[in-house]
C-alpha atoms as a PDB file:
ATOM      1  CA  MET A   1       0.000   0.000   0.000  1.00  0.00           C
ATOM      2  CA  ASP A   2       2.865   2.420   0.792  1.00  0.00           C
ATOM      3  CA  HIS A   3       4.251   1.953  -2.709  1.00  0.00           C
ATOM      4  CA  GLN A   4       0.857   2.596  -4.270  1.00  0.00           C
ATOM      5  CA  LEU A   5       0.477   5.755  -2.190  1.00  0.00           C
ATOM      6  CA  LYS A   6       3.904   6.943  -3.339  1.00  0.00           C
ATOM      7  CA  VAL A   7       2.847   6.400  -6.945  1.00  0.00           C
ATOM      8  CA  PHE A   8      -0.410   8.255  -6.292  1.00  0.00           C
ATOM      9  CA  VAL A   9       1.371  11.246  -4.677  1.00  0.00           C
ATOM     10  CA  THR A  10       3.883  11.439  -7.522  1.00  0.00           C
ATOM     11  CA  VAL A  11       1.137  11.436 -10.178  1.00  0.00           C
ATOM     12  CA  ALA A  12      -0.758  14.106  -8.213  1.00  0.00           C
ATOM     13  CA  GLU A  13       2.336  16.329  -8.062  1.00  0.00           C
ATOM     14  CA  LYS A  14       3.477  15.778 -11.651  1.00  0.00           C
ATOM     15  CA  LYS A  15      -0.099  15.880 -13.046  1.00  0.00           C
ATOM     16  CA  ASN A  16       1.046  13.465 -15.696  1.00  0.00           C
ATOM     17  CA  PHE A  17       1.321   9.661 -15.743  1.00  0.00           C
ATOM     18  CA  SER A  18       4.348   9.533 -18.040  1.00  0.00           C
ATOM     19  CA  ARG A  19       6.348  12.086 -15.983  1.00  0.00           C
ATOM     20  CA  ALA A  20       5.526  10.160 -12.805  1.00  0.00           C
ATOM     21  CA  ALA A  21       6.717   6.975 -14.516  1.00  0.00           C
ATOM     22  CA  GLU A  22      10.060   8.664 -15.343  1.00  0.00           C
ATOM     23  CA  VAL A  23      10.553   9.890 -11.772  1.00  0.00           C
ATOM     24  CA  LEU A  24       9.722   6.489 -10.243  1.00  0.00           C
ATOM     25  CA  ASN A  25      11.507   4.462 -12.932  1.00  0.00           C
ATOM     26  CA  LEU A  26       8.333   2.529 -13.727  1.00  0.00           C
ATOM     27  CA  THR A  27       6.417   1.927 -16.934  1.00  0.00           C
ATOM     28  CA  GLN A  28       3.291   3.973 -17.614  1.00  0.00           C
ATOM     29  CA  PRO A  29       1.068   0.837 -17.569  1.00  0.00           C
ATOM     30  CA  ALA A  30       2.468  -0.002 -14.101  1.00  0.00           C
ATOM     31  CA  ILE A  31       1.563   3.508 -12.895  1.00  0.00           C
ATOM     32  CA  SER A  32      -1.961   3.079 -14.262  1.00  0.00           C
ATOM     33  CA  GLN A  33      -2.323  -0.304 -12.532  1.00  0.00           C
ATOM     34  CA  HIS A  34      -1.348   1.148  -9.157  1.00  0.00           C
ATOM     35  CA  ILE A  35      -3.814   4.029  -9.523  1.00  0.00           C
ATOM     36  CA  HIS A  36      -6.554   1.657 -10.655  1.00  0.00           C
ATOM     37  CA  ALA A  37      -5.900  -0.579  -7.618  1.00  0.00           C
ATOM     38  CA  LEU A  38      -6.215   2.417  -5.280  1.00  0.00           C
ATOM     39  CA  GLU A  39      -9.430   3.551  -6.949  1.00  0.00           C
ATOM     40  CA  GLU A  40     -10.884   0.061  -6.500  1.00  0.00           C
ATOM     41  CA  TYR A  41      -9.756  -0.056  -2.872  1.00  0.00           C
ATOM     42  CA  TYR A  42     -11.296   3.323  -2.009  1.00  0.00           C
ATOM     43  CA  ARG A  43     -14.209   2.859  -4.422  1.00  0.00           C
ATOM     44  CA  ALA A  44     -13.722   6.357  -5.768  1.00  0.00           C
ATOM     45  CA  ARG A  45     -12.254   8.004  -8.846  1.00  0.00           C
ATOM     46  CA  LEU A  46      -9.065   9.800  -7.794  1.00  0.00           C
ATOM     47  CA  PHE A  47      -8.145  11.664 -10.989  1.00  0.00           C
ATOM     48  CA  ASP A  48      -9.867  13.472 -13.814  1.00  0.00           C
ATOM     49  CA  ARG A  49      -7.844  12.461 -16.869  1.00  0.00           C
ATOM     50  CA  SER A  50      -7.262  14.397 -20.089  1.00  0.00           C
ATOM     51  CA  ASN A  51      -4.757  14.117 -22.931  1.00  0.00           C
ATOM     52  CA  LYS A  52      -2.483  16.806 -21.490  1.00  0.00           C
ATOM     53  CA  LYS A  53      -2.639  16.329 -17.718  1.00  0.00           C
ATOM     54  CA  VAL A  54      -4.499  14.773 -14.822  1.00  0.00           C
ATOM     55  CA  GLU A  55      -6.172  16.629 -11.975  1.00  0.00           C
ATOM     56  CA  LEU A  56      -7.203  15.382  -8.536  1.00  0.00           C
ATOM     57  CA  THR A  57     -10.886  14.798  -7.943  1.00  0.00           C
ATOM     58  CA  GLN A  58     -12.364  15.830  -4.602  1.00  0.00           C
ATOM     59  CA  ALA A  59     -11.786  12.301  -3.304  1.00  0.00           C
ATOM     60  CA  GLY A  60      -8.256  12.400  -4.700  1.00  0.00           C
ATOM     61  CA  ALA A  61      -7.484  15.678  -2.928  1.00  0.00           C
ATOM     62  CA  ILE A  62      -8.585  14.188   0.397  1.00  0.00           C
ATOM     63  CA  LEU A  63      -6.480  11.061  -0.131  1.00  0.00           C
ATOM     64  CA  TYR A  64      -3.472  13.186  -1.206  1.00  0.00           C
ATOM     65  CA  ALA A  65      -3.430  15.036   2.126  1.00  0.00           C
ATOM     66  CA  TYR A  66      -3.544  11.780   4.093  1.00  0.00           C
ATOM     67  CA  ALA A  67      -1.078  10.002   1.791  1.00  0.00           C
ATOM     68  CA  GLN A  68       1.567  12.666   2.426  1.00  0.00           C
ATOM     69  CA  LYS A  69       1.156  12.216   6.183  1.00  0.00           C
ATOM     70  CA  ILE A  70       1.255   8.412   5.921  1.00  0.00           C
ATOM     71  CA  LEU A  71       4.430   8.397   3.817  1.00  0.00           C
ATOM     72  CA  THR A  72       6.133  10.917   6.097  1.00  0.00           C
ATOM     73  CA  LEU A  73       5.246   8.868   9.195  1.00  0.00           C
ATOM     74  CA  HIS A  74       6.555   5.730   7.528  1.00  0.00           C
ATOM     75  CA  GLN A  75       9.884   7.453   6.782  1.00  0.00           C
ATOM     76  CA  GLU A  76      10.110   8.797  10.325  1.00  0.00           C
ATOM     77  CA  ALA A  77       9.448   5.324  11.727  1.00  0.00           C
ATOM     78  CA  GLU A  78      12.224   3.855   9.559  1.00  0.00           C
ATOM     79  CA  ARG A  79      14.606   6.541  10.718  1.00  0.00           C
ATOM     80  CA  ALA A  80      13.705   6.043  14.396  1.00  0.00           C
ATOM     81  CA  VAL A  81      14.390   2.311  14.176  1.00  0.00           C
ATOM     82  CA  THR A  82      17.623   2.885  12.242  1.00  0.00           C
ATOM     83  CA  ASP A  83      18.803   5.445  14.782  1.00  0.00           C
ATOM     84  CA  LEU A  84      18.079   2.972  17.577  1.00  0.00           C
ATOM     85  CA  ILE A  85      20.472   0.408  16.145  1.00  0.00           C
ATOM     86  CA  GLU A  86      22.978   3.143  15.251  1.00  0.00           C
ATOM     87  CA  LEU A  87      23.224   2.320  11.563  1.00  0.00           C
ATOM     88  CA  VAL A  88      23.251   4.844   8.750  1.00  0.00           C
ATOM     89  CA  THR A  89      21.474   3.139   5.852  1.00  0.00           C
ATOM     90  CA  GLY A  90      19.120   3.941   3.008  1.00  0.00           C
ATOM     91  CA  LYS A  91      19.623   5.841  -0.229  1.00  0.00           C
ATOM     92  CA  ILE A  92      20.385   9.477  -0.962  1.00  0.00           C
ATOM     93  CA  VAL A  93      20.335  11.220  -4.330  1.00  0.00           C
ATOM     94  CA  VAL A  94      22.635  14.226  -4.559  1.00  0.00           C
ATOM     95  CA  GLY A  95      22.267  16.698  -7.407  1.00  0.00           C
ATOM     96  CA  ALA A  96      25.134  19.032  -8.232  1.00  0.00           C
ATOM     97  CA  SER A  97      25.786  21.869 -10.612  1.00  0.00           C
ATOM     98  CA  MET A  98      28.454  21.186 -13.212  1.00  0.00           C
ATOM     99  CA  THR A  99      31.674  22.337 -11.539  1.00  0.00           C
ATOM    100  CA  ILE A 100      30.788  20.728  -8.214  1.00  0.00           C
ATOM    101  CA  GLY A 101      29.472  17.563  -9.845  1.00  0.00           C
ATOM    102  CA  GLU A 102      32.512  17.050 -12.049  1.00  0.00           C
ATOM    103  CA  TYR A 103      35.372  18.189  -9.809  1.00  0.00           C
ATOM    104  CA  VAL A 104      34.274  18.170  -6.136  1.00  0.00           C
ATOM    105  CA  LEU A 105      31.350  15.834  -5.440  1.00  0.00           C
ATOM    106  CA  PRO A 106      32.904  12.533  -6.644  1.00  0.00           C
ATOM    107  CA  ARG A 107      35.652  12.872  -4.017  1.00  0.00           C
ATOM    108  CA  LEU A 108      33.138  13.754  -1.309  1.00  0.00           C
ATOM    109  CA  LEU A 109      30.927  10.786  -2.222  1.00  0.00           C
ATOM    110  CA  GLY A 110      33.916   8.454  -2.217  1.00  0.00           C
ATOM    111  CA  ALA A 111      34.990   9.553   1.263  1.00  0.00           C
ATOM    112  CA  TYR A 112      31.408   9.388   2.559  1.00  0.00           C
ATOM    113  CA  ALA A 113      30.929   5.894   1.110  1.00  0.00           C
ATOM    114  CA  ARG A 114      34.019   4.671   2.945  1.00  0.00           C
ATOM    115  CA  LYS A 115      32.608   5.970   6.226  1.00  0.00           C
ATOM    116  CA  TYR A 116      29.012   4.820   5.618  1.00  0.00           C
ATOM    117  CA  PRO A 117      29.193   1.778   3.318  1.00  0.00           C
ATOM    118  CA  GLU A 118      25.556   0.797   3.962  1.00  0.00           C
ATOM    119  CA  VAL A 119      24.211   3.938   2.271  1.00  0.00           C
ATOM    120  CA  GLU A 120      23.313   3.683  -1.418  1.00  0.00           C
ATOM    121  CA  LEU A 121      24.473   6.794  -3.268  1.00  0.00           C
ATOM    122  CA  ALA A 122      23.291   8.311  -6.543  1.00  0.00           C
ATOM    123  CA  MET A 123      24.383  11.522  -8.260  1.00  0.00           C
ATOM    124  CA  THR A 124      22.877  13.746 -10.941  1.00  0.00           C
ATOM    125  CA  ILE A 125      24.567  16.702 -12.654  1.00  0.00           C
ATOM    126  CA  GLY A 126      23.009  19.782 -14.255  1.00  0.00           C
ATOM    127  CA  ASN A 127      23.428  23.518 -14.090  1.00  0.00           C
ATOM    128  CA  THR A 128      22.309  25.496 -11.035  1.00  0.00           C
ATOM    129  CA  ALA A 129      18.841  26.160 -12.467  1.00  0.00           C
ATOM    130  CA  ILE A 130      18.227  22.444 -13.051  1.00  0.00           C
ATOM    131  CA  VAL A 131      19.430  21.402  -9.572  1.00  0.00           C
ATOM    132  CA  PHE A 132      17.229  24.142  -8.069  1.00  0.00           C
ATOM    133  CA  GLU A 133      14.144  22.705  -9.821  1.00  0.00           C
ATOM    134  CA  GLN A 134      15.037  19.109  -8.897  1.00  0.00           C
ATOM    135  CA  THR A 135      15.352  20.084  -5.231  1.00  0.00           C
ATOM    136  CA  LEU A 136      11.953  21.783  -5.224  1.00  0.00           C
ATOM    137  CA  GLU A 137      10.360  18.827  -7.036  1.00  0.00           C
ATOM    138  CA  GLY A 138      11.864  16.369  -4.568  1.00  0.00           C
ATOM    139  CA  THR A 139      13.576  14.230  -7.221  1.00  0.00           C
ATOM    140  CA  ILE A 140      16.868  14.730  -5.348  1.00  0.00           C
ATOM    141  CA  ASP A 141      17.485  14.776  -1.588  1.00  0.00           C
ATOM    142  CA  ILE A 142      20.328  17.303  -1.528  1.00  0.00           C
ATOM    143  CA  GLY A 143      21.474  19.904  -4.024  1.00  0.00           C
ATOM    144  CA  LEU A 144      24.967  21.407  -4.261  1.00  0.00           C
ATOM    145  CA  VAL A 145      25.048  24.560  -6.379  1.00  0.00           C
ATOM    146  CA  GLU A 146      27.359  27.384  -7.461  1.00  0.00           C
ATOM    147  CA  GLY A 147      24.838  30.063  -8.379  1.00  0.00           C
ATOM    148  CA  PRO A 148      22.509  32.083  -6.126  1.00  0.00           C
ATOM    149  CA  VAL A 149      19.242  30.374  -5.179  1.00  0.00           C
ATOM    150  CA  GLU A 150      16.327  31.529  -3.075  1.00  0.00           C
ATOM    151  CA  HIS A 151      12.918  30.041  -2.319  1.00  0.00           C
ATOM    152  CA  ALA A 152      10.638  29.918   0.707  1.00  0.00           C
ATOM    153  CA  HIS A 153      10.830  26.104   0.766  1.00  0.00           C
ATOM    154  CA  LEU A 154      14.618  25.906   0.500  1.00  0.00           C
ATOM    155  CA  GLN A 155      17.189  25.701   3.270  1.00  0.00           C
ATOM    156  CA  VAL A 156      20.446  27.175   1.913  1.00  0.00           C
ATOM    157  CA  GLU A 157      23.826  26.673   3.604  1.00  0.00           C
ATOM    158  CA  PRO A 158      27.304  27.584   2.252  1.00  0.00           C
ATOM    159  CA  PHE A 159      29.884  24.810   2.556  1.00  0.00           C
ATOM    160  CA  LEU A 160      32.904  25.651   0.409  1.00  0.00           C
ATOM    161  CA  THR A 161      34.604  28.810  -0.875  1.00  0.00           C
ATOM    162  CA  ASP A 162      35.603  28.864  -4.525  1.00  0.00           C
ATOM    163  CA  GLU A 163      37.883  31.209  -6.483  1.00  0.00           C
ATOM    164  CA  MET A 164      37.174  32.095 -10.104  1.00  0.00           C
ATOM    165  CA  VAL A 165      40.402  32.241 -12.118  1.00  0.00           C
ATOM    166  CA  LEU A 166      41.004  33.982 -15.439  1.00  0.00           C
ATOM    167  CA  ILE A 167      42.711  31.449 -17.712  1.00  0.00           C
ATOM    168  CA  VAL A 168      44.379  32.063 -21.077  1.00  0.00           C
ATOM    169  CA  PRO A 169      46.331  29.962 -23.609  1.00  0.00           C
ATOM    170  CA  PRO A 170      50.092  29.807 -22.916  1.00  0.00           C
ATOM    171  CA  ASP A 171      50.861  31.909 -26.006  1.00  0.00           C
ATOM    172  CA  HIS A 172      48.211  34.578 -25.289  1.00  0.00           C
ATOM    173  CA  PHE A 173      49.423  38.167 -24.872  1.00  0.00           C
ATOM    174  CA  LEU A 174      48.028  38.177 -21.284  1.00  0.00           C
ATOM    175  CA  ALA A 175      50.056  35.102 -20.302  1.00  0.00           C
ATOM    176  CA  SER A 176      53.207  37.195 -19.892  1.00  0.00           C
ATOM    177  CA  LYS A 177      51.592  40.139 -18.113  1.00  0.00           C
ATOM    178  CA  PRO A 178      51.760  40.364 -14.281  1.00  0.00           C
ATOM    179  CA  VAL A 179      48.130  41.524 -14.096  1.00  0.00           C
ATOM    180  CA  ALA A 180      45.252  41.980 -16.520  1.00  0.00           C
ATOM    181  CA  THR A 181      43.305  45.233 -16.678  1.00  0.00           C
ATOM    182  CA  ALA A 182      39.774  45.978 -17.774  1.00  0.00           C
ATOM    183  CA  GLU A 183      41.185  47.453 -20.977  1.00  0.00           C
ATOM    184  CA  ASP A 184      43.044  44.190 -21.664  1.00  0.00           C
ATOM    185  CA  LEU A 185      39.831  42.175 -21.356  1.00  0.00           C
ATOM    186  CA  SER A 186      37.995  44.518 -23.715  1.00  0.00           C
ATOM    187  CA  ARG A 187      40.322  43.295 -26.493  1.00  0.00           C
ATOM    188  CA  CYS A 188      39.621  39.607 -25.846  1.00  0.00           C
ATOM    189  CA  THR A 189      37.126  36.897 -26.738  1.00  0.00           C
ATOM    190  CA  ILE A 190      35.527  35.583 -23.537  1.00  0.00           C
ATOM    191  CA  ILE A 191      34.111  32.063 -23.460  1.00  0.00           C
ATOM    192  CA  LEU A 192      31.088  31.620 -21.162  1.00  0.00           C
ATOM    193  CA  ARG A 193      28.831  28.789 -20.061  1.00  0.00           C
ATOM    194  CA  GLU A 194      25.108  28.666 -20.914  1.00  0.00           C
ATOM    195  CA  GLU A 195      22.354  30.676 -19.241  1.00  0.00           C
ATOM    196  CA  GLY A 196      21.350  29.169 -15.887  1.00  0.00           C
ATOM    197  CA  SER A 197      24.930  28.216 -15.064  1.00  0.00           C
ATOM    198  CA  GLY A 198      26.482  29.422 -11.818  1.00  0.00           C
ATOM    199  CA  THR A 199      29.858  29.644 -13.551  1.00  0.00           C
ATOM    200  CA  ARG A 200      28.407  31.936 -16.197  1.00  0.00           C
ATOM    201  CA  LEU A 201      26.824  34.166 -13.579  1.00  0.00           C
ATOM    202  CA  ALA A 202      30.131  34.416 -11.694  1.00  0.00           C
ATOM    203  CA  ALA A 203      31.957  35.341 -14.911  1.00  0.00           C
ATOM    204  CA  GLU A 204      29.367  37.988 -15.784  1.00  0.00           C
ATOM    205  CA  ASN A 205      29.668  39.407 -12.265  1.00  0.00           C
ATOM    206  CA  ALA A 206      33.442  39.556 -12.693  1.00  0.00           C
ATOM    207  CA  LEU A 207      33.118  41.505 -15.950  1.00  0.00           C
ATOM    208  CA  ARG A 208      30.576  43.799 -14.326  1.00  0.00           C
ATOM    209  CA  GLN A 209      32.884  44.340 -11.343  1.00  0.00           C
ATOM    210  CA  LEU A 210      35.709  45.220 -13.734  1.00  0.00           C
ATOM    211  CA  ASN A 211      33.348  47.495 -15.681  1.00  0.00           C
ATOM    212  CA  THR A 212      34.431  46.046 -19.014  1.00  0.00           C
ATOM    213  CA  ARG A 213      32.856  44.445 -22.055  1.00  0.00           C
ATOM    214  CA  PRO A 214      34.813  41.865 -24.093  1.00  0.00           C
ATOM    215  CA  ALA A 215      35.295  42.236 -27.828  1.00  0.00           C
ATOM    216  CA  ARG A 216      33.418  38.979 -28.411  1.00  0.00           C
ATOM    217  CA  ILE A 217      31.550  36.328 -26.407  1.00  0.00           C
ATOM    218  CA  LEU A 218      31.403  32.614 -27.204  1.00  0.00           C
ATOM    219  CA  GLN A 219      29.027  30.266 -25.366  1.00  0.00           C
ATOM    220  CA  LEU A 220      29.750  26.585 -24.667  1.00  0.00           C
ATOM    221  CA  GLY A 221      27.717  24.068 -22.700  1.00  0.00           C
ATOM    222  CA  SER A 222      30.301  22.513 -20.410  1.00  0.00           C
ATOM    223  CA  THR A 223      33.383  23.384 -18.390  1.00  0.00           C
ATOM    224  CA  GLN A 224      35.434  20.737 -20.182  1.00  0.00           C
ATOM    225  CA  ALA A 225      34.541  22.223 -23.566  1.00  0.00           C
ATOM    226  CA  ILE A 226      35.585  25.671 -22.363  1.00  0.00           C
ATOM    227  CA  LYS A 227      38.953  24.398 -21.114  1.00  0.00           C
ATOM    228  CA  GLU A 228      39.651  22.729 -24.451  1.00  0.00           C
ATOM    229  CA  ALA A 229      38.563  25.857 -26.319  1.00  0.00           C
ATOM    230  CA  VAL A 230      40.967  27.990 -24.257  1.00  0.00           C
ATOM    231  CA  GLU A 231      43.777  25.497 -24.877  1.00  0.00           C
ATOM    232  CA  ALA A 232      42.994  25.692 -28.611  1.00  0.00           C
ATOM    233  CA  GLY A 233      43.295  29.487 -28.557  1.00  0.00           C
ATOM    234  CA  LEU A 234      39.632  30.313 -29.188  1.00  0.00           C
ATOM    235  CA  GLY A 235      39.481  32.742 -26.275  1.00  0.00           C
ATOM    236  CA  ILE A 236      39.925  33.195 -22.533  1.00  0.00           C
ATOM    237  CA  SER A 237      37.564  32.357 -19.673  1.00  0.00           C
ATOM    238  CA  PHE A 238      36.792  32.573 -15.981  1.00  0.00           C
ATOM    239  CA  LEU A 239      36.628  29.103 -14.412  1.00  0.00           C
ATOM    240  CA  SER A 240      36.636  27.639 -10.925  1.00  0.00           C
ATOM    241  CA  ARG A 241      40.063  26.838  -9.488  1.00  0.00           C
ATOM    242  CA  TRP A 242      38.630  23.397  -8.657  1.00  0.00           C
ATOM    243  CA  ALA A 243      38.049  22.787 -12.378  1.00  0.00           C
ATOM    244  CA  ILE A 244      41.514  23.699 -13.654  1.00  0.00           C
ATOM    245  CA  ARG A 245      43.886  21.987 -11.226  1.00  0.00           C
ATOM    246  CA  LYS A 246      45.179  19.465 -13.786  1.00  0.00           C
ATOM    247  CA  GLU A 247      45.525  22.028 -16.567  1.00  0.00           C
ATOM    248  CA  LEU A 248      47.481  24.401 -14.324  1.00  0.00           C
ATOM    249  CA  ALA A 249      49.783  21.579 -13.252  1.00  0.00           C
ATOM    250  CA  LEU A 250      50.379  20.566 -16.888  1.00  0.00           C
ATOM    251  CA  GLY A 251      50.763  24.148 -18.072  1.00  0.00           C
ATOM    252  CA  THR A 252      48.161  23.802 -20.845  1.00  0.00           C
ATOM    253  CA  VAL A 253      46.475  27.005 -19.610  1.00  0.00           C
ATOM    254  CA  LYS A 254      47.895  29.947 -17.710  1.00  0.00           C
ATOM    255  CA  PRO A 255      46.252  31.780 -14.798  1.00  0.00           C
ATOM    256  CA  VAL A 256      46.212  35.571 -14.964  1.00  0.00           C
ATOM    257  CA  ARG A 257      45.728  37.858 -11.976  1.00  0.00           C
ATOM    258  CA  LEU A 258      43.234  40.693 -12.267  1.00  0.00           C
ATOM    259  CA  LYS A 259      44.271  44.179 -11.242  1.00  0.00           C
ATOM    260  CA  ASP A 260      42.946  44.915  -7.721  1.00  0.00           C
ATOM    261  CA  THR A 261      40.290  42.197  -8.088  1.00  0.00           C
ATOM    262  CA  THR A 262      39.747  38.720  -6.664  1.00  0.00           C
ATOM    263  CA  ILE A 263      36.602  36.832  -7.665  1.00  0.00           C
ATOM    264  CA  THR A 264      35.261  34.399  -5.053  1.00  0.00           C
ATOM    265  CA  ARG A 265      31.920  32.711  -4.509  1.00  0.00           C
ATOM    266  CA  GLU A 266      30.327  30.188  -2.155  1.00  0.00           C
ATOM    267  CA  PHE A 267      29.266  26.677  -3.079  1.00  0.00           C
ATOM    268  CA  LYS A 268      25.964  26.021  -1.311  1.00  0.00           C
ATOM    269  CA  ILE A 269      23.944  23.098   0.018  1.00  0.00           C
ATOM    270  CA  ILE A 270      20.208  23.331  -0.696  1.00  0.00           C
ATOM    271  CA  ARG A 271      17.421  21.172   0.721  1.00  0.00           C
ATOM    272  CA  ASN A 272      13.658  21.281   0.465  1.00  0.00           C
ATOM    273  CA  GLN A 273      12.408  21.982   4.000  1.00  0.00           C
ATOM    274  CA  THR A 274       8.951  20.611   3.200  1.00  0.00           C
ATOM    275  CA  ARG A 275      10.343  17.132   2.417  1.00  0.00           C
ATOM    276  CA  PHE A 276      11.354  14.398   4.837  1.00  0.00           C
ATOM    277  CA  GLN A 277      15.111  14.346   5.526  1.00  0.00           C
ATOM    278  CA  SER A 278      16.659  10.945   6.204  1.00  0.00           C
ATOM    279  CA  ARG A 279      19.459  10.358   8.660  1.00  0.00           C
ATOM    280  CA  ALA A 280      21.708   9.430   5.725  1.00  0.00           C
ATOM    281  CA  SER A 281      21.077  12.894   4.241  1.00  0.00           C
ATOM    282  CA  ASP A 282      21.760  14.623   7.550  1.00  0.00           C
ATOM    283  CA  GLU A 283      24.992  12.672   8.003  1.00  0.00           C
ATOM    284  CA  PHE A 284      26.099  13.535   4.473  1.00  0.00           C
ATOM    285  CA  ILE A 285      25.690  17.249   5.152  1.00  0.00           C
ATOM    286  CA  ASN A 286      27.418  16.944   8.525  1.00  0.00           C
ATOM    287  CA  PHE A 287      30.237  15.070   6.812  1.00  0.00           C
ATOM    288  CA  ILE A 288      30.912  17.503   3.943  1.00  0.00           C
ATOM    289  CA  THR A 289      30.822  20.576   6.185  1.00  0.00           C
ATOM    290  CA  ARG A 290      33.492  19.348   8.599  1.00  0.00           C
ATOM    291  CA  ASP A 291      36.714  21.353   8.538  1.00  0.00           C
ATOM    292  CA  LYS A 292      38.780  18.177   8.339  1.00  0.00           C
ATOM    293  CA  VAL A 293      36.922  16.963   5.255  1.00  0.00           C
ATOM    294  CA  ILE A 294      37.189  20.360   3.541  1.00  0.00           C
ATOM    295  CA  ALA A 295      40.932  20.428   4.248  1.00  0.00           C
ATOM    296  CA  SER A 296      41.315  16.903   2.867  1.00  0.00           C
ATOM    297  CA  LEU A 297      39.342  17.882  -0.216  1.00  0.00           C
ATOM    298  CA  ARG A 298      41.662  20.815  -0.908  1.00  0.00           C
ATOM    299  CA  ASN A 299      44.626  18.452  -0.580  1.00  0.00           C
ATOM    300  CA  GLY A 300      43.042  15.885  -2.898  1.00  0.00           C
ATOM    301  CA  PHE A 301      42.126  13.408  -0.102  1.00  0.00           C
END
């Protein structure tokens, strides 16, 4: 019955059988069977169906309110029993924006998995806007983002300071200069990430802070693509220091200091306060915010 209620709540929130099937990793016929079984059990139609979406009936709205309470109580009971036997178990899904997901989170998950081997871990990667939506929808338990986020349902907590570094090809005219000025940047092609990216927003803020406009802007959809474009001489870019550690060590790109300017930002943890939080999720956040773990991360574990 709990599983059927979870299916019912997901359909009610997504207002679409196929989207609910994607979220729950079930087939659409399986979703329909669960809803049909509930309607037979309660002897009431729970949804008004149309080609585009489904809406709760009056009976469905009543069941939805109770189903949320039942599922939350079930999760709280599981956590209470787990806490009693002092085990951290279950599954957590962590969503991360691109820089964090590609260069920071894998190391954090690896260290966490060694400490809590009974926890099943899953990771998704998207830009800040996507992780923000996934957190609100409840398709992920924890979000780690680079860009600014704000919502009444979100709990936001900084956990790691990042520095944005101006990188250029080794043979670029800025590579030999001690510092770059706003006038220097106005002569350059700047490569940016797509809209909705925290890295893009940080780069735009840097240009705004320097009060300069580049000669040309190129847009690419990933940090890796930008690094390769810089190496190929297509332009220069602002990227996270976390993302360029290997390239700096190999000398394939060169960092350039900005005159009288340092660009920093905070990586943030976001959680939906209206959703149940498992002990595994709480322990993950406690783990990644410890000073010792942050220090180990900076040193490459």
